[in-house]
Each structure stands twice: as C-alpha cells, then as structure tokens.
C-alpha cells in the first residue's frame, strides 16, 4: 500500500462494466512526510473518498482485486482513508 492525496475527479460517460458504481479519482502520490512523490494518476475508489482526503492505494496486480467484482481494467485502486500519519 502507498500513501496519496485525492486532488481531483474524473468524469466518464462510459466505463467498463466492472467499474460501474465506482468513482475515478486523481491521486497525487505522497511520501511519509506527505510531500509529493511522483506524478498524479487516476485510481478507482472503493472506499468513498473524495477531494482533499489522504488515502492508501494499491497498484499493479493488487488493484483489480480490490474492486467489488475482483476484476477490472485498473492499474490503481484506493483502498483506505488515512486518519493520521505518525512518523
């Protein structure tokens, strides 16, 4: 799992059937100090997060497994909302 911040939303008039009912959000990856650590990307949201939320996300093979169907064309999925970070 990785740390990120939701910085925007994506509007799609057509989506894959496995993504119906899920929001697509723009996520800025963060390091442990909550500073930007890479380029923003689009992730499927399975936990009802929103703009401004700090989130946990997974990528690669783990991302489709996080979807309700367990399958879908995604490279990243938001799987948790962060309450706080202690370093």
PDB file of N, CA and C in Angstrom:
ATOM      1  N   UNK A   1       0.842  -1.171   0.000  1.00  0.00           N
ATOM      2  CA  UNK A   1       0.000   0.000   0.000  1.00  0.00           C
ATOM      3  C   UNK A   1       0.889   1.236   0.000  1.00  0.00           C
ATOM      4  N   UNK A   2       0.353   2.274  -0.619  1.00  0.00           N
ATOM      5  CA  UNK A   2       1.071   3.531  -0.742  1.00  0.00           C
ATOM      6  C   UNK A   2       0.192   4.666  -0.244  1.00  0.00           C
ATOM      7  N   UNK A   3       0.813   5.781   0.096  1.00  0.00           N
ATOM      8  CA  UNK A   3       0.122   6.950   0.585  1.00  0.00           C
ATOM      9  C   UNK A   3      -0.117   7.922  -0.561  1.00  0.00           C
ATOM     10  N   UNK A   4      -1.287   8.572  -0.572  1.00  0.00           N
ATOM     11  CA  UNK A   4      -1.592   9.554  -1.599  1.00  0.00           C
ATOM     12  C   UNK A   4      -2.633  10.543  -1.113  1.00  0.00           C
ATOM     13  N   UNK A   5      -2.886  11.555  -1.950  1.00  0.00           N
ATOM     14  CA  UNK A   5      -3.915  12.547  -1.656  1.00  0.00           C
ATOM     15  C   UNK A   5      -4.792  12.713  -2.881  1.00  0.00           C
ATOM     16  N   UNK A   6      -6.091  12.693  -2.682  1.00  0.00           N
ATOM     17  CA  UNK A   6      -7.029  12.882  -3.791  1.00  0.00           C
ATOM     18  C   UNK A   6      -7.025  14.357  -4.155  1.00  0.00           C
ATOM     19  N   UNK A   7      -6.707  14.651  -5.444  1.00  0.00           N
ATOM     20  CA  UNK A   7      -6.620  16.043  -5.876  1.00  0.00           C
ATOM     21  C   UNK A   7      -7.628  16.388  -6.965  1.00  0.00           C
ATOM     22  N   UNK A   8      -8.425  15.419  -7.391  1.00  0.00           N
ATOM     23  CA  UNK A   8      -9.405  15.718  -8.419  1.00  0.00           C
ATOM     24  C   UNK A   8     -10.275  14.529  -8.742  1.00  0.00           C
ATOM     25  N   UNK A   9     -11.232  14.753  -9.632  1.00  0.00           N
ATOM     26  CA  UNK A   9     -12.138  13.698 -10.058  1.00  0.00           C
ATOM     27  C   UNK A   9     -12.081  13.546 -11.568  1.00  0.00           C
ATOM     28  N   UNK A  10     -12.525  12.396 -12.052  1.00  0.00           N
ATOM     29  CA  UNK A  10     -12.604  12.124 -13.479  1.00  0.00           C
ATOM     30  C   UNK A  10     -14.058  11.820 -13.802  1.00  0.00           C
ATOM     31  N   UNK A  11     -14.566  12.447 -14.852  1.00  0.00           N
ATOM     32  CA  UNK A  11     -15.928  12.183 -15.297  1.00  0.00           C
ATOM     33  C   UNK A  11     -15.846  11.326 -16.554  1.00  0.00           C
ATOM     34  N   UNK A  12     -16.501  10.171 -16.517  1.00  0.00           N
ATOM     35  CA  UNK A  12     -16.505   9.259 -17.664  1.00  0.00           C
ATOM     36  C   UNK A  12     -17.948   8.917 -18.018  1.00  0.00           C
ATOM     37  N   UNK A  13     -18.347   9.214 -19.238  1.00  0.00           N
ATOM     38  CA  UNK A  13     -19.715   8.902 -19.644  1.00  0.00           C
ATOM     39  C   UNK A  13     -19.880   7.421 -19.927  1.00  0.00           C
ATOM     40  N   UNK A  14     -18.797   6.752 -20.260  1.00  0.00           N
ATOM     41  CA  UNK A  14     -18.823   5.303 -20.457  1.00  0.00           C
ATOM     42  C   UNK A  14     -17.665   4.676 -19.710  1.00  0.00           C
ATOM     43  N   UNK A  15     -17.988   3.590 -19.003  1.00  0.00           N
ATOM     44  CA  UNK A  15     -16.963   2.873 -18.241  1.00  0.00           C
ATOM     45  C   UNK A  15     -17.136   1.383 -18.468  1.00  0.00           C
ATOM     46  N   UNK A  16     -16.073   0.650 -18.211  1.00  0.00           N
ATOM     47  CA  UNK A  16     -16.139  -0.798 -18.230  1.00  0.00           C
ATOM     48  C   UNK A  16     -17.188  -1.245 -17.220  1.00  0.00           C
ATOM     49  N   UNK A  17     -17.867  -2.334 -17.524  1.00  0.00           N
ATOM     50  CA  UNK A  17     -18.921  -2.844 -16.652  1.00  0.00           C
ATOM     51  C   UNK A  17     -18.443  -3.091 -15.225  1.00  0.00           C
ATOM     52  N   UNK A  18     -17.180  -3.497 -15.063  1.00  0.00           N
ATOM     53  CA  UNK A  18     -16.639  -3.773 -13.729  1.00  0.00           C
ATOM     54  C   UNK A  18     -16.379  -2.506 -12.919  1.00  0.00           C
ATOM     55  N   UNK A  19     -16.479  -1.332 -13.556  1.00  0.00           N
ATOM     56  CA  UNK A  19     -16.246  -0.068 -12.860  1.00  0.00           C
ATOM     57  C   UNK A  19     -17.528   0.695 -12.562  1.00  0.00           C
ATOM     58  N   UNK A  20     -18.662   0.131 -12.937  1.00  0.00           N
ATOM     59  CA  UNK A  20     -19.933   0.808 -12.665  1.00  0.00           C
ATOM     60  C   UNK A  20     -20.143   0.969 -11.166  1.00  0.00           C
ATOM     61  N   UNK A  21     -20.565   2.170 -10.776  1.00  0.00           N
ATOM     62  CA  UNK A  21     -20.796   2.456  -9.367  1.00  0.00           C
ATOM     63  C   UNK A  21     -19.551   2.916  -8.627  1.00  0.00           C
ATOM     64  N   UNK A  22     -18.390   2.923  -9.295  1.00  0.00           N
ATOM     65  CA  UNK A  22     -17.146   3.370  -8.665  1.00  0.00           C
ATOM     66  C   UNK A  22     -16.746   4.732  -9.206  1.00  0.00           C
ATOM     67  N   UNK A  23     -16.214   5.583  -8.315  1.00  0.00           N
ATOM     68  CA  UNK A  23     -15.686   6.869  -8.748  1.00  0.00           C
ATOM     69  C   UNK A  23     -14.264   6.676  -9.251  1.00  0.00           C
ATOM     70  N   UNK A  24     -13.877   7.492 -10.215  1.00  0.00           N
ATOM     71  CA  UNK A  24     -12.497   7.564 -10.668  1.00  0.00           C
ATOM     72  C   UNK A  24     -11.935   8.885 -10.166  1.00  0.00           C
ATOM     73  N   UNK A  25     -10.845   8.816  -9.402  1.00  0.00           N
ATOM     74  CA  UNK A  25     -10.269   9.998  -8.778  1.00  0.00           C
ATOM     75  C   UNK A  25      -8.815  10.180  -9.167  1.00  0.00           C
ATOM     76  N   UNK A  26      -8.371  11.435  -9.198  1.00  0.00           N
ATOM     77  CA  UNK A  26      -6.973  11.753  -9.472  1.00  0.00           C
ATOM     78  C   UNK A  26      -6.234  11.775  -8.140  1.00  0.00           C
ATOM     79  N   UNK A  27      -5.143  11.011  -8.059  1.00  0.00           N
ATOM     80  CA  UNK A  27      -4.383  10.865  -6.806  1.00  0.00           C
ATOM     81  C   UNK A  27      -2.948  11.346  -7.003  1.00  0.00           C
ATOM     82  N   UNK A  28      -2.481  12.149  -6.048  1.00  0.00           N
ATOM     83  CA  UNK A  28      -1.083  12.568  -6.007  1.00  0.00           C
ATOM     84  C   UNK A  28      -0.363  11.671  -5.011  1.00  0.00           C
ATOM     85  N   UNK A  29       0.615  10.852  -5.474  1.00  0.00           N
ATOM     86  CA  UNK A  29       1.355  10.019  -4.510  1.00  0.00           C
ATOM     87  C   UNK A  29       2.151  10.890  -3.539  1.00  0.00           C
ATOM     88  N   UNK A  30       2.236  10.427  -2.290  1.00  0.00           N
ATOM     89  CA  UNK A  30       2.947  11.164  -1.243  1.00  0.00           C
ATOM     90  C   UNK A  30       3.985  10.277  -0.572  1.00  0.00           C
ATOM     91  N   UNK A  31       5.018  10.926  -0.011  1.00  0.00           N
ATOM     92  CA  UNK A  31       5.982  10.181   0.792  1.00  0.00           C
ATOM     93  C   UNK A  31       5.523  10.222   2.256  1.00  0.00           C
ATOM     94  N   UNK A  32       6.343   9.683   3.164  1.00  0.00           N
ATOM     95  CA  UNK A  32       5.937   9.612   4.569  1.00  0.00           C
ATOM     96  C   UNK A  32       5.812  10.983   5.234  1.00  0.00           C
ATOM     97  N   UNK A  33       6.359  12.038   4.606  1.00  0.00           N
ATOM     98  CA  UNK A  33       6.223  13.405   5.132  1.00  0.00           C
ATOM     99  C   UNK A  33       5.048  14.143   4.483  1.00  0.00           C
ATOM    100  N   UNK A  34       4.252  13.399   3.695  1.00  0.00           N
ATOM    101  CA  UNK A  34       3.099  13.937   2.961  1.00  0.00           C
ATOM    102  C   UNK A  34       3.500  14.963   1.922  1.00  0.00           C
ATOM    103  N   UNK A  35       4.676  14.767   1.318  1.00  0.00           N
ATOM    104  CA  UNK A  35       5.133  15.614   0.221  1.00  0.00           C
ATOM    105  C   UNK A  35       4.983  14.841  -1.078  1.00  0.00           C
ATOM    106  N   UNK A  36       4.736  15.568  -2.172  1.00  0.00           N
ATOM    107  CA  UNK A  36       4.534  14.932  -3.475  1.00  0.00           C
ATOM    108  C   UNK A  36       5.703  14.029  -3.824  1.00  0.00           C
ATOM    109  N   UNK A  37       5.386  12.829  -4.319  1.00  0.00           N
ATOM    110  CA  UNK A  37       6.425  11.835  -4.624  1.00  0.00           C
ATOM    111  C   UNK A  37       6.108  11.152  -5.956  1.00  0.00           C
ATOM    112  N   UNK A  38       5.991  11.926  -7.010  1.00  0.00           N
ATOM    113  CA  UNK A  38       5.703  11.350  -8.318  1.00  0.00           C
ATOM    114  C   UNK A  38       4.565  12.078  -9.009  1.00  0.00           C
ATOM    115  N   UNK A  39       4.210  11.591 -10.183  1.00  0.00           N
ATOM    116  CA  UNK A  39       3.163  12.208 -10.983  1.00  0.00           C
ATOM    117  C   UNK A  39       1.780  11.733 -10.551  1.00  0.00           C
ATOM    118  N   UNK A  40       0.773  12.602 -10.648  1.00  0.00           N
ATOM    119  CA  UNK A  40      -0.602  12.188 -10.339  1.00  0.00           C
ATOM    120  C   UNK A  40      -1.097  11.121 -11.320  1.00  0.00           C
ATOM    121  N   UNK A  41      -2.065  10.328 -10.884  1.00  0.00           N
ATOM    122  CA  UNK A  41      -2.627   9.251 -11.703  1.00  0.00           C
ATOM    123  C   UNK A  41      -4.094   9.075 -11.348  1.00  0.00           C
ATOM    124  N   UNK A  42      -4.802   8.293 -12.146  1.00  0.00           N
ATOM    125  CA  UNK A  42      -6.222   8.019 -11.900  1.00  0.00           C
ATOM    126  C   UNK A  42      -6.353   6.674 -11.201  1.00  0.00           C
ATOM    127  N   UNK A  43      -7.200   6.625 -10.180  1.00  0.00           N
ATOM    128  CA  UNK A  43      -7.434   5.388  -9.428  1.00  0.00           C
ATOM    129  C   UNK A  43      -8.930   5.179  -9.230  1.00  0.00           C
ATOM    130  N   UNK A  44      -9.347   3.921  -9.205  1.00  0.00           N
ATOM    131  CA  UNK A  44     -10.727   3.570  -8.882  1.00  0.00           C
ATOM    132  C   UNK A  44     -10.885   3.649  -7.369  1.00  0.00           C
ATOM    133  N   UNK A  45     -11.972   4.267  -6.918  1.00  0.00           N
ATOM    134  CA  UNK A  45     -12.208   4.464  -5.486  1.00  0.00           C
ATOM    135  C   UNK A  45     -13.213   3.441  -4.973  1.00  0.00           C
ATOM    136  N   UNK A  46     -12.786   2.582  -4.063  1.00  0.00           N
ATOM    137  CA  UNK A  46     -13.688   1.575  -3.498  1.00  0.00           C
ATOM    138  C   UNK A  46     -14.083   1.885  -2.055  1.00  0.00           C
ATOM    139  N   UNK A  47     -13.650   3.044  -1.521  1.00  0.00           N
ATOM    140  CA  UNK A  47     -13.939   3.381  -0.121  1.00  0.00           C
ATOM    141  C   UNK A  47     -14.670   4.704   0.053  1.00  0.00           C
ATOM    142  N   UNK A  48     -15.168   5.291  -1.023  1.00  0.00           N
ATOM    143  CA  UNK A  48     -15.932   6.542  -0.971  1.00  0.00           C
ATOM    144  C   UNK A  48     -15.120   7.713  -0.432  1.00  0.00           C
ATOM    145  N   UNK A  49     -13.871   7.855  -0.886  1.00  0.00           N
ATOM    146  CA  UNK A  49     -13.077   9.019  -0.515  1.00  0.00           C
ATOM    147  C   UNK A  49     -13.430  10.175  -1.450  1.00  0.00           C
ATOM    148  N   UNK A  50     -12.838  11.331  -1.201  1.00  0.00           N
ATOM    149  CA  UNK A  50     -13.137  12.489  -2.027  1.00  0.00           C
ATOM    150  C   UNK A  50     -11.969  13.451  -2.071  1.00  0.00           C
ATOM    151  N   UNK A  51     -12.099  14.519  -2.853  1.00  0.00           N
ATOM    152  CA  UNK A  51     -11.021  15.500  -2.971  1.00  0.00           C
ATOM    153  C   UNK A  51     -10.559  16.014  -1.612  1.00  0.00           C
ATOM    154  N   UNK A  52      -9.249  16.050  -1.441  1.00  0.00           N
ATOM    155  CA  UNK A  52      -8.654  16.507  -0.189  1.00  0.00           C
ATOM    156  C   UNK A  52      -8.324  15.399   0.788  1.00  0.00           C
ATOM    157  N   UNK A  53      -8.878  14.216   0.596  1.00  0.00           N
ATOM    158  CA  UNK A  53      -8.622  13.098   1.512  1.00  0.00           C
ATOM    159  C   UNK A  53      -7.229  12.512   1.306  1.00  0.00           C
ATOM    160  N   UNK A  54      -6.574  12.168   2.409  1.00  0.00           N
ATOM    161  CA  UNK A  54      -5.358  11.360   2.358  1.00  0.00           C
ATOM    162  C   UNK A  54      -5.818   9.907   2.283  1.00  0.00           C
ATOM    163  N   UNK A  55      -5.209   9.122   1.377  1.00  0.00           N
ATOM    164  CA  UNK A  55      -5.686   7.763   1.122  1.00  0.00           C
ATOM    165  C   UNK A  55      -4.535   6.770   1.014  1.00  0.00           C
ATOM    166  N   UNK A  56      -4.877   5.495   1.217  1.00  0.00           N
ATOM    167  CA  UNK A  56      -3.998   4.387   0.877  1.00  0.00           C
ATOM    168  C   UNK A  56      -4.435   3.884  -0.483  1.00  0.00           C
ATOM    169  N   UNK A  57      -3.468   3.543  -1.342  1.00  0.00           N
ATOM    170  CA  UNK A  57      -3.812   2.986  -2.639  1.00  0.00           C
ATOM    171  C   UNK A  57      -2.892   1.817  -2.955  1.00  0.00           C
ATOM    172  N   UNK A  58      -3.391   0.941  -3.790  1.00  0.00           N
ATOM    173  CA  UNK A  58      -2.605  -0.196  -4.254  1.00  0.00           C
ATOM    174  C   UNK A  58      -2.514  -0.121  -5.773  1.00  0.00           C
ATOM    175  N   UNK A  59      -1.489  -0.743  -6.304  1.00  0.00           N
ATOM    176  CA  UNK A  59      -1.293  -0.725  -7.751  1.00  0.00           C
ATOM    177  C   UNK A  59      -0.967  -2.104  -8.283  1.00  0.00           C
ATOM    178  N   UNK A  60      -0.779  -2.144  -9.593  1.00  0.00           N
ATOM    179  CA  UNK A  60      -0.401  -3.372 -10.295  1.00  0.00           C
ATOM    180  C   UNK A  60      -1.437  -4.480 -10.106  1.00  0.00           C
ATOM    181  N   UNK A  61      -1.005  -5.689  -9.784  1.00  0.00           N
ATOM    182  CA  UNK A  61      -1.916  -6.840  -9.687  1.00  0.00           C
ATOM    183  C   UNK A  61      -2.927  -6.728  -8.557  1.00  0.00           C
ATOM    184  N   UNK A  62      -2.586  -5.982  -7.504  1.00  0.00           N
ATOM    185  CA  UNK A  62      -3.495  -5.849  -6.367  1.00  0.00           C
ATOM    186  C   UNK A  62      -4.690  -4.956  -6.674  1.00  0.00           C
ATOM    187  N   UNK A  63      -4.553  -4.021  -7.585  1.00  0.00           N
ATOM    188  CA  UNK A  63      -5.617  -3.052  -7.864  1.00  0.00           C
ATOM    189  C   UNK A  63      -6.924  -3.704  -8.318  1.00  0.00           C
ATOM    190  N   UNK A  64      -6.936  -4.558  -9.337  1.00  0.00           N
ATOM    191  CA  UNK A  64      -8.216  -5.168  -9.737  1.00  0.00           C
ATOM    192  C   UNK A  64      -8.828  -6.032  -8.642  1.00  0.00           C
ATOM    193  N   UNK A  65      -8.008  -6.640  -7.803  1.00  0.00           N
ATOM    194  CA  UNK A  65      -8.521  -7.490  -6.728  1.00  0.00           C
ATOM    195  C   UNK A  65      -9.290  -6.687  -5.690  1.00  0.00           C
ATOM    196  N   UNK A  66      -9.040  -5.367  -5.615  1.00  0.00           N
ATOM    197  CA  UNK A  66      -9.734  -4.510  -4.652  1.00  0.00           C
ATOM    198  C   UNK A  66     -11.135  -4.139  -5.107  1.00  0.00           C
ATOM    199  N   UNK A  67     -11.442  -4.327  -6.387  1.00  0.00           N
ATOM    200  CA  UNK A  67     -12.761  -3.979  -6.913  1.00  0.00           C
ATOM    201  C   UNK A  67     -13.805  -4.962  -6.411  1.00  0.00           C
ATOM    202  N   UNK A  68     -15.057  -4.535  -6.316  1.00  0.00           N
ATOM    203  CA  UNK A  68     -16.113  -5.445  -5.854  1.00  0.00           C
ATOM    204  C   UNK A  68     -16.206  -6.726  -6.676  1.00  0.00           C
ATOM    205  N   UNK A  69     -15.959  -6.632  -7.983  1.00  0.00           N
ATOM    206  CA  UNK A  69     -16.032  -7.810  -8.845  1.00  0.00           C
ATOM    207  C   UNK A  69     -14.754  -8.644  -8.778  1.00  0.00           C
ATOM    208  N   UNK A  70     -13.682  -8.080  -8.227  1.00  0.00           N
ATOM    209  CA  UNK A  70     -12.395  -8.780  -8.186  1.00  0.00           C
ATOM    210  C   UNK A  70     -11.666  -8.766  -9.506  1.00  0.00           C
ATOM    211  N   UNK A  71     -12.220  -8.044 -10.473  1.00  0.00           N
ATOM    212  CA  UNK A  71     -11.621  -7.965 -11.801  1.00  0.00           C
ATOM    213  C   UNK A  71     -11.986  -6.626 -12.417  1.00  0.00           C
ATOM    214  N   UNK A  72     -11.093  -6.064 -13.197  1.00  0.00           N
ATOM    215  CA  UNK A  72     -11.393  -4.828 -13.907  1.00  0.00           C
ATOM    216  C   UNK A  72     -10.138  -4.223 -14.486  1.00  0.00           C
ATOM    217  N   UNK A  73     -10.305  -3.313 -15.454  1.00  0.00           N
ATOM    218  CA  UNK A  73      -9.160  -2.718 -16.137  1.00  0.00           C
ATOM    219  C   UNK A  73      -8.589  -1.518 -15.375  1.00  0.00           C
ATOM    220  N   UNK A  74      -7.980  -1.760 -14.224  1.00  0.00           N
ATOM    221  CA  UNK A  74      -7.411  -0.669 -13.435  1.00  0.00           C
ATOM    222  C   UNK A  74      -5.954  -0.975 -13.078  1.00  0.00           C
ATOM    223  N   UNK A  75      -5.177   0.095 -12.960  1.00  0.00           N
ATOM    224  CA  UNK A  75      -3.790  -0.021 -12.522  1.00  0.00           C
ATOM    225  C   UNK A  75      -3.617   0.446 -11.086  1.00  0.00           C
ATOM    226  N   UNK A  76      -4.636   1.144 -10.556  1.00  0.00           N
ATOM    227  CA  UNK A  76      -4.560   1.642  -9.181  1.00  0.00           C
ATOM    228  C   UNK A  76      -5.965   1.676  -8.585  1.00  0.00           C
ATOM    229  N   UNK A  77      -6.039   1.400  -7.281  1.00  0.00           N
ATOM    230  CA  UNK A  77      -7.313   1.445  -6.567  1.00  0.00           C
ATOM    231  C   UNK A  77      -7.092   2.037  -5.178  1.00  0.00           C
ATOM    232  N   UNK A  78      -7.996   2.908  -4.775  1.00  0.00           N
ATOM    233  CA  UNK A  78      -7.956   3.494  -3.434  1.00  0.00           C
ATOM    234  C   UNK A  78      -8.649   2.513  -2.500  1.00  0.00           C
ATOM    235  N   UNK A  79      -7.917   2.078  -1.446  1.00  0.00           N
ATOM    236  CA  UNK A  79      -8.438   1.041  -0.564  1.00  0.00           C
ATOM    237  C   UNK A  79      -8.600   1.480   0.887  1.00  0.00           C
ATOM    238  N   UNK A  80      -8.252   2.719   1.208  1.00  0.00           N
ATOM    239  CA  UNK A  80      -8.400   3.175   2.587  1.00  0.00           C
ATOM    240  C   UNK A  80      -8.271   4.686   2.694  1.00  0.00           C
ATOM    241  N   UNK A  81      -8.913   5.242   3.705  1.00  0.00           N
ATOM    242  CA  UNK A  81      -8.807   6.676   4.001  1.00  0.00           C
ATOM    243  C   UNK A  81      -7.945   6.826   5.252  1.00  0.00           C
ATOM    244  N   UNK A  82      -6.944   7.692   5.168  1.00  0.00           N
ATOM    245  CA  UNK A  82      -5.980   7.879   6.252  1.00  0.00           C
ATOM    246  C   UNK A  82      -6.513   8.871   7.268  1.00  0.00           C
ATOM    247  N   UNK A  83      -6.518   8.475   8.557  1.00  0.00           N
ATOM    248  CA  UNK A  83      -6.926   9.368   9.620  1.00  0.00           C
ATOM    249  C   UNK A  83      -5.749  10.219  10.093  1.00  0.00           C
ATOM    250  N   UNK A  84      -4.588   9.589  10.240  1.00  0.00           N
ATOM    251  CA  UNK A  84      -3.389  10.338  10.646  1.00  0.00           C
ATOM    252  C   UNK A  84      -2.149   9.536  10.284  1.00  0.00           C
ATOM    253  N   UNK A  85      -1.013  10.239  10.264  1.00  0.00           N
ATOM    254  CA  UNK A  85       0.277   9.594   9.981  1.00  0.00           C
ATOM    255  C   UNK A  85       1.232   9.971  11.095  1.00  0.00           C
ATOM    256  N   UNK A  86       1.798   8.972  11.777  1.00  0.00           N
ATOM    257  CA  UNK A  86       2.804   9.204  12.809  1.00  0.00           C
ATOM    258  C   UNK A  86       4.131   8.676  12.284  1.00  0.00           C
ATOM    259  N   UNK A  87       5.137   9.523  12.282  1.00  0.00           N
ATOM    260  CA  UNK A  87       6.463   9.110  11.792  1.00  0.00           C
ATOM    261  C   UNK A  87       7.441   9.132  12.929  1.00  0.00           C
TER     262      UNK A  87
END
